[in-house]
Structures are given as C-alpha cells and as structure tokens.
Amino acid sequence: MKIDQNKLRQLIAREVKAPSPDELRREGNVFFVGGNLPVRETLETMFDSHCQAPAELFLLTFGDLAGFHRGEELARVIKKNFSAHLVGRLDYPAPPYIIERAYAAGVDILDIPLTVFDRALSRERGLEMEGRLSAIDYARTVFPRWSVVSTLVAGEEPSCSTVAGIDALLSAEVVPLVTVSGRAAHYPTEEIAAAFEHLVKGWQRKKALIKPLLPLLYLTTPLAPPSARGVLRGFIERIYDRRLLAASDLRRSLRVRQVEQSFESAGL
C-alpha cells in the first residue's frame, strides 16, 4: 500500500463520517448498517442495492446495551443472506456477554474503537479508555487471531500518541485502524501521513490479517492499492476471501456448539 497525498488532503477537508447505529448508507463496496434500525426494511434496502452491485463488506454498528438485541438480529440476517465479511462495532466498553453474543450472531471482525490513546486524559476519559482496553482484551479470547480491531482517529491527539496506540494494539495482536479527523488540519499533512506510514509498516511487521478490511481501508483512509488488480488476481482474491469466510464460520459453529453442549451437560 502507499499513501495517496491528494486523498489525504481530501479526507482532512471533509472528515470521515463515523458510523451510527441509527443510519443505513452505502459508500463504494461497504454497507454501513445501524444496529437500531428495523430488520425487515433494512434487509430489503440492502438486497436492492446488493443485487445491482454486490457489497464486499458490511459494518454493523450496534446500539447501546438496551438496544443490543436489535443489532444482534440484524447480524444474523446479514450473515444468513449475504456472502461477505461482517464487521461489528461496539462503541463502548462492552461486557463479556455482549462480546460473546456478537460473535455467536455472526460477527467476523469486532471493532472496539479507542479513538485516542492519550495517557494524559482526564480521570473520566481515562477510565473509559481502560474499560475499552479490557473489552478488547476479552474479545481476543473469543474471536480468531487478528479478528479484533480498534479504531484510532488521527488529528484528535498528537501523532506521537496515535503512533503509541498503533504499537500497543499491534503488540496485543489487535489490528489498529486509523481514520482522519477534521482537526487533523491543525497538524502538518506530513505528520499525519507519517502516522499512516507507521501503521502500514506495523501491519507488515506483525503480518496482521487486513485483507477482509481492504474495502473499508480504501474508503476511509489515504491508503491506496499498489497497483490495479488484473482479472486473475481478482479471481484468486475472491477465492481467498471465501476460504477466510468459511474458516470463520466453521470456527464460530464449533465454539457455539461447544458452549451449548456445556449448558446442556450442566442441565441449564
């Protein structure tokens, strides 16, 4: 991957819109699905769009704890009706049972955003970050390796903090994602670009699995593919995607079945 400087300036100028649990939209090959939306109407809209041009990735933003069950149902119908990776986003320090249920519902990749990684935060925000880090740590015991991600926002804090966050996440085998804040305009463009270069080098050094996330990365970051894909390369990548999906579904099925059998043997 390479940094597209023109794209970076455009992202800083317009700022990437954060996913919302109350909104359904499609950008490029990515569906952003709100977990608070009604299932039937949402599914019909997605089907109409998907039939015209298949989406490559679904990003489902769950609502709060009280409304989690609605997103849980959406996750199941997305997984049942579409052959694409499903990213789930929990924008709060999710308790273990919520993480377990998100995985069982069909989420392939879980994003628990940190947004910032500044140790000099206020006490309240510091406790929030520690809670999210604890949720991330638990999610790693549930989801496959490199299937837990956390989004940081470049421009919301000094780049040194963003870089520190990238390194801390990678050391825990969590995939760091970085988007661009409108506040990034207050920093030199070269400084923001350097954070993304550090990110790419970190992925490569740790051999992080980012292939399923490429549609989202090309949409929300200044990263660009190194070269145009040929027909053969595109075909091989689709086969690889199917293998990743099949392996993810098999692992989920085995884990859920094991949990169900444990409950049955305990008479629960």
C-alpha atoms as a PDB file:
ATOM      1  CA  MET A   1       0.000   0.000   0.000  1.00  0.00           C
ATOM      2  CA  LYS A   2       1.006   3.605  -0.467  1.00  0.00           C
ATOM      3  CA  ILE A   3      -0.140   6.955   0.912  1.00  0.00           C
ATOM      4  CA  ASP A   4      -2.172   8.983  -1.579  1.00  0.00           C
ATOM      5  CA  GLN A   5      -1.383  12.581  -0.628  1.00  0.00           C
ATOM      6  CA  ASN A   6      -4.312  14.027  -2.595  1.00  0.00           C
ATOM      7  CA  LYS A   7      -6.704  11.607  -0.917  1.00  0.00           C
ATOM      8  CA  LEU A   8      -5.277  12.506   2.488  1.00  0.00           C
ATOM      9  CA  ARG A   9      -5.942  16.202   1.923  1.00  0.00           C
ATOM     10  CA  GLN A  10      -9.492  15.405   0.785  1.00  0.00           C
ATOM     11  CA  LEU A  11     -10.134  13.299   3.900  1.00  0.00           C
ATOM     12  CA  ILE A  12      -8.876  16.074   6.160  1.00  0.00           C
ATOM     13  CA  ALA A  13     -11.072  18.608   4.366  1.00  0.00           C
ATOM     14  CA  ARG A  14     -14.302  16.590   4.599  1.00  0.00           C
ATOM     15  CA  GLU A  15     -13.624  14.407   7.677  1.00  0.00           C
ATOM     16  CA  VAL A  16     -14.664  10.756   7.661  1.00  0.00           C
ATOM     17  CA  LYS A  17     -18.198  10.305   8.945  1.00  0.00           C
ATOM     18  CA  ALA A  18     -18.308   7.993  11.940  1.00  0.00           C
ATOM     19  CA  PRO A  19     -20.716   5.027  11.673  1.00  0.00           C
ATOM     20  CA  SER A  20     -24.014   5.470  13.507  1.00  0.00           C
ATOM     21  CA  PRO A  21     -26.360   2.851  14.996  1.00  0.00           C
ATOM     22  CA  ASP A  22     -29.297   4.815  13.543  1.00  0.00           C
ATOM     23  CA  GLU A  23     -28.243   5.081   9.901  1.00  0.00           C
ATOM     24  CA  LEU A  24     -28.059   2.886   6.808  1.00  0.00           C
ATOM     25  CA  ARG A  25     -25.803   4.025   3.988  1.00  0.00           C
ATOM     26  CA  ARG A  26     -23.597   2.552   1.345  1.00  0.00           C
ATOM     27  CA  GLU A  27     -20.290   4.000   0.237  1.00  0.00           C
ATOM     28  CA  GLY A  28     -18.441   2.175  -2.505  1.00  0.00           C
ATOM     29  CA  ASN A  29     -18.360  -1.520  -1.664  1.00  0.00           C
ATOM     30  CA  VAL A  30     -19.128  -1.035   2.031  1.00  0.00           C
ATOM     31  CA  PHE A  31     -22.540  -1.085   3.716  1.00  0.00           C
ATOM     32  CA  PHE A  32     -22.752   0.890   6.964  1.00  0.00           C
ATOM     33  CA  VAL A  33     -25.647  -0.628   8.902  1.00  0.00           C
ATOM     34  CA  GLY A  34     -27.129   0.848  12.077  1.00  0.00           C
ATOM     35  CA  GLY A  35     -27.943  -1.721  14.734  1.00  0.00           C
ATOM     36  CA  ASN A  36     -31.022   0.219  15.896  1.00  0.00           C
ATOM     37  CA  LEU A  37     -32.748   0.007  12.510  1.00  0.00           C
ATOM     38  CA  PRO A  38     -35.786  -2.229  11.776  1.00  0.00           C
ATOM     39  CA  VAL A  39     -34.692  -5.568  10.371  1.00  0.00           C
ATOM     40  CA  ARG A  40     -37.179  -6.115   7.532  1.00  0.00           C
ATOM     41  CA  GLU A  41     -36.961  -2.675   5.909  1.00  0.00           C
ATOM     42  CA  THR A  42     -33.185  -2.596   6.295  1.00  0.00           C
ATOM     43  CA  LEU A  43     -32.782  -6.023   4.710  1.00  0.00           C
ATOM     44  CA  GLU A  44     -34.973  -5.056   1.738  1.00  0.00           C
ATOM     45  CA  THR A  45     -32.936  -1.909   1.094  1.00  0.00           C
ATOM     46  CA  MET A  46     -29.664  -3.834   1.283  1.00  0.00           C
ATOM     47  CA  PHE A  47     -30.973  -6.521  -1.081  1.00  0.00           C
ATOM     48  CA  ASP A  48     -31.976  -3.928  -3.692  1.00  0.00           C
ATOM     49  CA  SER A  49     -28.541  -2.320  -3.611  1.00  0.00           C
ATOM     50  CA  HIS A  50     -26.639  -5.610  -3.376  1.00  0.00           C
ATOM     51  CA  CYS A  51     -28.419  -7.009  -6.459  1.00  0.00           C
ATOM     52  CA  GLN A  52     -27.254  -4.020  -8.514  1.00  0.00           C
ATOM     53  CA  ALA A  53     -23.646  -4.311  -7.299  1.00  0.00           C
ATOM     54  CA  PRO A  54     -22.530  -6.815  -4.619  1.00  0.00           C
ATOM     55  CA  ALA A  55     -21.067  -5.263  -1.491  1.00  0.00           C
ATOM     56  CA  GLU A  56     -17.735  -6.599  -0.238  1.00  0.00           C
ATOM     57  CA  LEU A  57     -18.061  -5.669   3.425  1.00  0.00           C
ATOM     58  CA  PHE A  58     -20.806  -4.935   5.973  1.00  0.00           C
ATOM     59  CA  LEU A  59     -20.076  -2.767   9.002  1.00  0.00           C
ATOM     60  CA  LEU A  60     -22.754  -3.107  11.663  1.00  0.00           C
ATOM     61  CA  THR A  61     -22.710  -0.505  14.451  1.00  0.00           C
ATOM     62  CA  PHE A  62     -24.521  -1.893  17.475  1.00  0.00           C
ATOM     63  CA  GLY A  63     -26.623   0.357  19.670  1.00  0.00           C
ATOM     64  CA  ASP A  64     -26.265   0.609  23.448  1.00  0.00           C
ATOM     65  CA  LEU A  65     -26.756  -2.283  25.835  1.00  0.00           C
ATOM     66  CA  ALA A  66     -30.521  -1.813  25.977  1.00  0.00           C
ATOM     67  CA  GLY A  67     -30.839  -1.983  22.194  1.00  0.00           C
ATOM     68  CA  PHE A  68     -28.128  -4.543  21.508  1.00  0.00           C
ATOM     69  CA  HIS A  69     -30.666  -7.265  20.682  1.00  0.00           C
ATOM     70  CA  ARG A  70     -31.820  -5.360  17.573  1.00  0.00           C
ATOM     71  CA  GLY A  71     -28.301  -5.275  16.166  1.00  0.00           C
ATOM     72  CA  GLU A  72     -27.886  -8.906  17.143  1.00  0.00           C
ATOM     73  CA  GLU A  73     -30.873  -9.835  14.963  1.00  0.00           C
ATOM     74  CA  LEU A  74     -29.533  -7.749  12.081  1.00  0.00           C
ATOM     75  CA  ALA A  75     -26.182  -9.518  12.345  1.00  0.00           C
ATOM     76  CA  ARG A  76     -27.912 -12.885  11.969  1.00  0.00           C
ATOM     77  CA  VAL A  77     -29.905 -11.891   8.884  1.00  0.00           C
ATOM     78  CA  ILE A  78     -26.865 -10.254   7.244  1.00  0.00           C
ATOM     79  CA  LYS A  79     -24.801 -13.377   7.815  1.00  0.00           C
ATOM     80  CA  LYS A  80     -27.621 -15.587   6.533  1.00  0.00           C
ATOM     81  CA  ASN A  81     -28.362 -13.610   3.361  1.00  0.00           C
ATOM     82  CA  PHE A  82     -25.034 -12.161   2.194  1.00  0.00           C
ATOM     83  CA  SER A  83     -21.673 -13.749   1.482  1.00  0.00           C
ATOM     84  CA  ALA A  84     -19.352 -11.041   2.765  1.00  0.00           C
ATOM     85  CA  HIS A  85     -17.349 -10.279   5.876  1.00  0.00           C
ATOM     86  CA  LEU A  86     -19.303  -8.691   8.713  1.00  0.00           C
ATOM     87  CA  VAL A  87     -17.559  -6.164  10.958  1.00  0.00           C
ATOM     88  CA  GLY A  88     -19.316  -5.383  14.228  1.00  0.00           C
ATOM     89  CA  ARG A  89     -18.653  -2.106  16.033  1.00  0.00           C
ATOM     90  CA  LEU A  90     -19.230  -1.721  19.780  1.00  0.00           C
ATOM     91  CA  ASP A  91     -18.536   1.910  20.623  1.00  0.00           C
ATOM     92  CA  TYR A  92     -18.425   1.427  24.390  1.00  0.00           C
ATOM     93  CA  PRO A  93     -16.700  -0.813  26.963  1.00  0.00           C
ATOM     94  CA  ALA A  94     -18.759  -3.903  26.158  1.00  0.00           C
ATOM     95  CA  PRO A  95     -19.135  -6.545  28.908  1.00  0.00           C
ATOM     96  CA  PRO A  96     -18.029 -10.115  28.102  1.00  0.00           C
ATOM     97  CA  TYR A  97     -21.532 -11.488  27.477  1.00  0.00           C
ATOM     98  CA  ILE A  98     -22.170  -8.852  24.789  1.00  0.00           C
ATOM     99  CA  ILE A  99     -18.919  -9.764  23.028  1.00  0.00           C
ATOM    100  CA  GLU A 100     -19.874 -13.456  23.166  1.00  0.00           C
ATOM    101  CA  ARG A 101     -23.320 -12.754  21.722  1.00  0.00           C
ATOM    102  CA  ALA A 102     -21.938 -10.566  18.932  1.00  0.00           C
ATOM    103  CA  TYR A 103     -19.639 -13.393  17.884  1.00  0.00           C
ATOM    104  CA  ALA A 104     -22.372 -16.020  18.050  1.00  0.00           C
ATOM    105  CA  ALA A 105     -24.677 -13.800  15.954  1.00  0.00           C
ATOM    106  CA  GLY A 106     -22.250 -13.842  13.035  1.00  0.00           C
ATOM    107  CA  VAL A 107     -19.761 -11.004  13.503  1.00  0.00           C
ATOM    108  CA  ASP A 108     -16.463 -11.958  11.839  1.00  0.00           C
ATOM    109  CA  ILE A 109     -14.390  -8.970  12.964  1.00  0.00           C
ATOM    110  CA  LEU A 110     -15.054  -6.864  16.068  1.00  0.00           C
ATOM    111  CA  ASP A 111     -14.128  -3.182  16.322  1.00  0.00           C
ATOM    112  CA  ILE A 112     -13.999  -1.586  19.776  1.00  0.00           C
ATOM    113  CA  PRO A 113     -12.754   1.940  18.981  1.00  0.00           C
ATOM    114  CA  LEU A 114     -10.303   3.665  21.289  1.00  0.00           C
ATOM    115  CA  THR A 115     -10.371   6.900  19.222  1.00  0.00           C
ATOM    116  CA  VAL A 116      -7.457   8.329  21.210  1.00  0.00           C
ATOM    117  CA  PHE A 117      -4.560   6.757  23.087  1.00  0.00           C
ATOM    118  CA  ASP A 118      -3.500   9.632  25.335  1.00  0.00           C
ATOM    119  CA  ARG A 119      -2.399   8.587  28.812  1.00  0.00           C
ATOM    120  CA  ALA A 120      -2.834  12.201  29.995  1.00  0.00           C
ATOM    121  CA  LEU A 121      -6.623  12.037  29.708  1.00  0.00           C
ATOM    122  CA  SER A 122      -8.995  13.257  32.393  1.00  0.00           C
ATOM    123  CA  ARG A 123      -9.911  10.685  35.041  1.00  0.00           C
ATOM    124  CA  GLU A 124     -13.337  10.023  33.467  1.00  0.00           C
ATOM    125  CA  ARG A 125     -11.988   9.573  29.930  1.00  0.00           C
ATOM    126  CA  GLY A 126      -9.076   7.555  31.269  1.00  0.00           C
ATOM    127  CA  LEU A 127     -11.448   5.099  32.952  1.00  0.00           C
ATOM    128  CA  GLU A 128     -13.435   4.888  29.705  1.00  0.00           C
ATOM    129  CA  MET A 129     -10.290   4.005  27.767  1.00  0.00           C
ATOM    130  CA  GLU A 130      -9.257   1.388  30.340  1.00  0.00           C
ATOM    131  CA  GLY A 131     -12.725  -0.149  30.092  1.00  0.00           C
ATOM    132  CA  ARG A 132     -12.416  -0.379  26.315  1.00  0.00           C
ATOM    133  CA  LEU A 133      -8.950  -1.909  26.607  1.00  0.00           C
ATOM    134  CA  SER A 134     -10.364  -4.552  28.958  1.00  0.00           C
ATOM    135  CA  ALA A 135     -13.156  -5.291  26.459  1.00  0.00           C
ATOM    136  CA  ILE A 136     -10.593  -5.583  23.656  1.00  0.00           C
ATOM    137  CA  ASP A 137      -8.523  -7.964  25.761  1.00  0.00           C
ATOM    138  CA  TYR A 138     -11.544 -10.196  26.402  1.00  0.00           C
ATOM    139  CA  ALA A 139     -12.607 -10.090  22.731  1.00  0.00           C
ATOM    140  CA  ARG A 140      -9.230 -11.555  21.811  1.00  0.00           C
ATOM    141  CA  THR A 141     -10.165 -14.713  23.748  1.00  0.00           C
ATOM    142  CA  VAL A 142     -13.389 -15.066  21.742  1.00  0.00           C
ATOM    143  CA  PHE A 143     -12.542 -14.031  18.179  1.00  0.00           C
ATOM    144  CA  PRO A 144      -9.898 -15.612  15.920  1.00  0.00           C
ATOM    145  CA  ARG A 145      -6.394 -14.183  15.788  1.00  0.00           C
ATOM    146  CA  TRP A 146      -6.266 -10.717  14.158  1.00  0.00           C
ATOM    147  CA  SER A 147     -10.071 -10.530  14.125  1.00  0.00           C
ATOM    148  CA  VAL A 148     -10.294  -7.862  16.832  1.00  0.00           C
ATOM    149  CA  VAL A 149      -9.618  -4.310  15.669  1.00  0.00           C
ATOM    150  CA  SER A 150      -9.651  -0.877  17.267  1.00  0.00           C
ATOM    151  CA  THR A 151     -10.078   2.442  15.501  1.00  0.00           C
ATOM    152  CA  LEU A 152      -7.895   5.423  16.350  1.00  0.00           C
ATOM    153  CA  VAL A 153      -8.576   8.885  14.933  1.00  0.00           C
ATOM    154  CA  ALA A 154      -5.582  10.834  13.613  1.00  0.00           C
ATOM    155  CA  GLY A 155      -5.817  14.527  14.434  1.00  0.00           C
ATOM    156  CA  GLU A 156      -7.697  14.117  17.710  1.00  0.00           C
ATOM    157  CA  GLU A 157      -4.397  13.965  19.594  1.00  0.00           C
ATOM    158  CA  PRO A 158      -0.686  14.487  18.867  1.00  0.00           C
ATOM    159  CA  SER A 159       0.646  11.992  16.325  1.00  0.00           C
ATOM    160  CA  CYS A 160       3.044  10.538  18.897  1.00  0.00           C
ATOM    161  CA  SER A 161       0.022   9.313  20.899  1.00  0.00           C
ATOM    162  CA  THR A 162      -1.577   7.810  17.787  1.00  0.00           C
ATOM    163  CA  VAL A 163       1.675   6.019  16.959  1.00  0.00           C
ATOM    164  CA  ALA A 164       1.920   4.754  20.550  1.00  0.00           C
ATOM    165  CA  GLY A 165      -1.628   3.424  20.247  1.00  0.00           C
ATOM    166  CA  ILE A 166      -0.780   1.650  16.986  1.00  0.00           C
ATOM    167  CA  ASP A 167       2.206  -0.051  18.580  1.00  0.00           C
ATOM    168  CA  ALA A 168       0.328  -1.042  21.749  1.00  0.00           C
ATOM    169  CA  LEU A 169      -2.518  -2.610  19.774  1.00  0.00           C
ATOM    170  CA  LEU A 170      -0.188  -4.493  17.448  1.00  0.00           C
ATOM    171  CA  SER A 171       1.783  -5.877  20.388  1.00  0.00           C
ATOM    172  CA  ALA A 172      -1.502  -7.350  21.672  1.00  0.00           C
ATOM    173  CA  GLU A 173      -2.324  -8.791  18.209  1.00  0.00           C
ATOM    174  CA  VAL A 174      -5.155  -6.304  17.733  1.00  0.00           C
ATOM    175  CA  VAL A 175      -5.423  -4.689  14.296  1.00  0.00           C
ATOM    176  CA  PRO A 176      -5.199  -0.894  14.617  1.00  0.00           C
ATOM    177  CA  LEU A 177      -7.292   1.090  12.152  1.00  0.00           C
ATOM    178  CA  VAL A 178      -6.788   4.831  11.716  1.00  0.00           C
ATOM    179  CA  THR A 179      -9.241   7.350  10.326  1.00  0.00           C
ATOM    180  CA  VAL A 180      -8.793  11.108   9.883  1.00  0.00           C
ATOM    181  CA  SER A 181     -10.392  13.807  11.997  1.00  0.00           C
ATOM    182  CA  GLY A 182     -11.227  17.268  10.671  1.00  0.00           C
ATOM    183  CA  ARG A 183      -8.944  18.543  13.430  1.00  0.00           C
ATOM    184  CA  ALA A 184      -6.039  16.981  11.552  1.00  0.00           C
ATOM    185  CA  ALA A 185      -5.921  20.269   9.614  1.00  0.00           C
ATOM    186  CA  HIS A 186      -4.182  21.744  12.677  1.00  0.00           C
ATOM    187  CA  TYR A 187      -1.222  19.409  12.130  1.00  0.00           C
ATOM    188  CA  PRO A 188       1.219  19.316   9.191  1.00  0.00           C
ATOM    189  CA  THR A 189      -0.015  16.939   6.487  1.00  0.00           C
ATOM    190  CA  GLU A 190       3.383  15.221   6.555  1.00  0.00           C
ATOM    191  CA  GLU A 191       2.884  14.386  10.235  1.00  0.00           C
ATOM    192  CA  ILE A 192      -0.493  12.732   9.571  1.00  0.00           C
ATOM    193  CA  ALA A 193       0.948  10.864   6.577  1.00  0.00           C
ATOM    194  CA  ALA A 194       3.821   9.619   8.743  1.00  0.00           C
ATOM    195  CA  ALA A 195       1.320   8.077  11.187  1.00  0.00           C
ATOM    196  CA  PHE A 196      -0.258   6.105   8.325  1.00  0.00           C
ATOM    197  CA  GLU A 197       3.162   5.018   7.064  1.00  0.00           C
ATOM    198  CA  HIS A 198       3.940   3.762  10.565  1.00  0.00           C
ATOM    199  CA  LEU A 199       0.614   1.931  10.564  1.00  0.00           C
ATOM    200  CA  VAL A 200       1.321   0.121   7.283  1.00  0.00           C
ATOM    201  CA  LYS A 201       4.830  -0.858   8.402  1.00  0.00           C
ATOM    202  CA  GLY A 202       3.388  -2.183  11.664  1.00  0.00           C
ATOM    203  CA  TRP A 203       0.839  -4.331   9.831  1.00  0.00           C
ATOM    204  CA  GLN A 204       3.605  -5.728   7.645  1.00  0.00           C
ATOM    205  CA  ARG A 205       5.981  -6.333  10.551  1.00  0.00           C
ATOM    206  CA  LYS A 206       3.373  -8.224  12.557  1.00  0.00           C
ATOM    207  CA  LYS A 207       1.805  -9.884   9.472  1.00  0.00           C
ATOM    208  CA  ALA A 208      -1.611  -8.664  10.577  1.00  0.00           C
ATOM    209  CA  LEU A 209      -4.598 -10.003   8.644  1.00  0.00           C
ATOM    210  CA  ILE A 210      -6.114  -6.915   6.973  1.00  0.00           C
ATOM    211  CA  LYS A 211      -7.330  -8.451   3.700  1.00  0.00           C
ATOM    212  CA  PRO A 212     -11.042  -8.557   4.721  1.00  0.00           C
ATOM    213  CA  LEU A 213     -10.833  -4.885   5.743  1.00  0.00           C
ATOM    214  CA  LEU A 214      -9.410  -3.542   2.481  1.00  0.00           C
ATOM    215  CA  PRO A 215     -12.749  -2.168   1.144  1.00  0.00           C
ATOM    216  CA  LEU A 216     -13.093  -0.121   4.338  1.00  0.00           C
ATOM    217  CA  LEU A 217      -9.449   0.961   4.341  1.00  0.00           C
ATOM    218  CA  TYR A 218      -9.544   2.218   0.765  1.00  0.00           C
ATOM    219  CA  LEU A 219     -12.714   4.144   1.585  1.00  0.00           C
ATOM    220  CA  THR A 220     -11.828   5.776   4.902  1.00  0.00           C
ATOM    221  CA  THR A 221      -8.031   6.194   4.792  1.00  0.00           C
ATOM    222  CA  PRO A 222      -5.493   7.736   2.403  1.00  0.00           C
ATOM    223  CA  LEU A 223      -4.137   4.266   1.647  1.00  0.00           C
ATOM    224  CA  ALA A 224      -4.288   3.168  -1.977  1.00  0.00           C
ATOM    225  CA  PRO A 225      -3.628  -0.226  -3.583  1.00  0.00           C
ATOM    226  CA  PRO A 226      -0.115  -0.540  -5.052  1.00  0.00           C
ATOM    227  CA  SER A 227      -1.394  -1.448  -8.495  1.00  0.00           C
ATOM    228  CA  ALA A 228      -4.561  -2.214 -10.441  1.00  0.00           C
ATOM    229  CA  ARG A 229      -5.891  -5.745  -9.983  1.00  0.00           C
ATOM    230  CA  GLY A 230      -5.934  -7.985 -13.034  1.00  0.00           C
ATOM    231  CA  VAL A 231      -8.703 -10.476 -13.763  1.00  0.00           C
ATOM    232  CA  LEU A 232      -6.681 -13.443 -12.477  1.00  0.00           C
ATOM    233  CA  ARG A 233      -5.557 -11.644  -9.338  1.00  0.00           C
ATOM    234  CA  GLY A 234      -9.109 -10.571  -8.595  1.00  0.00           C
ATOM    235  CA  PHE A 235     -10.335 -14.153  -9.051  1.00  0.00           C
ATOM    236  CA  ILE A 236      -7.653 -15.518  -6.696  1.00  0.00           C
ATOM    237  CA  GLU A 237      -8.504 -12.876  -4.082  1.00  0.00           C
ATOM    238  CA  ARG A 238     -12.192 -13.808  -4.213  1.00  0.00           C
ATOM    239  CA  ILE A 239     -11.311 -17.471  -3.619  1.00  0.00           C
ATOM    240  CA  TYR A 240      -9.120 -16.425  -0.679  1.00  0.00           C
ATOM    241  CA  ASP A 241     -11.962 -14.341   0.750  1.00  0.00           C
ATOM    242  CA  ARG A 242     -14.315 -17.322   0.524  1.00  0.00           C
ATOM    243  CA  ARG A 243     -11.786 -19.501   2.356  1.00  0.00           C
ATOM    244  CA  LEU A 244     -11.471 -16.902   5.130  1.00  0.00           C
ATOM    245  CA  LEU A 245     -15.250 -16.706   5.456  1.00  0.00           C
ATOM    246  CA  ALA A 246     -15.635 -20.482   5.515  1.00  0.00           C
ATOM    247  CA  ALA A 247     -12.941 -20.860   8.175  1.00  0.00           C
ATOM    248  CA  SER A 248     -14.519 -18.097  10.264  1.00  0.00           C
ATOM    249  CA  ASP A 249     -17.988 -19.660  10.041  1.00  0.00           C
ATOM    250  CA  LEU A 250     -16.664 -23.132  10.927  1.00  0.00           C
ATOM    251  CA  ARG A 251     -14.797 -21.833  13.973  1.00  0.00           C
ATOM    252  CA  ARG A 252     -17.913 -19.955  15.149  1.00  0.00           C
ATOM    253  CA  SER A 253     -20.117 -23.019  14.680  1.00  0.00           C
ATOM    254  CA  LEU A 254     -17.752 -25.195  16.705  1.00  0.00           C
ATOM    255  CA  ARG A 255     -17.448 -22.647  19.516  1.00  0.00           C
ATOM    256  CA  VAL A 256     -21.192 -22.013  19.784  1.00  0.00           C
ATOM    257  CA  ARG A 257     -21.917 -25.753  19.706  1.00  0.00           C
ATOM    258  CA  GLN A 258     -19.359 -26.351  22.449  1.00  0.00           C
ATOM    259  CA  VAL A 259     -20.971 -23.691  24.648  1.00  0.00           C
ATOM    260  CA  GLU A 260     -24.455 -25.127  24.039  1.00  0.00           C
ATOM    261  CA  GLN A 261     -23.269 -28.632  24.911  1.00  0.00           C
ATOM    262  CA  SER A 262     -21.697 -27.324  28.127  1.00  0.00           C
ATOM    263  CA  PHE A 263     -25.021 -25.766  29.151  1.00  0.00           C
ATOM    264  CA  GLU A 264     -26.888 -28.979  28.307  1.00  0.00           C
ATOM    265  CA  SER A 265     -24.479 -31.151  30.306  1.00  0.00           C
ATOM    266  CA  ALA A 266     -24.929 -28.791  33.254  1.00  0.00           C
ATOM    267  CA  GLY A 267     -28.713 -29.085  32.965  1.00  0.00           C
ATOM    268  CA  LEU A 268     -29.139 -25.382  32.157  1.00  0.00           C
END
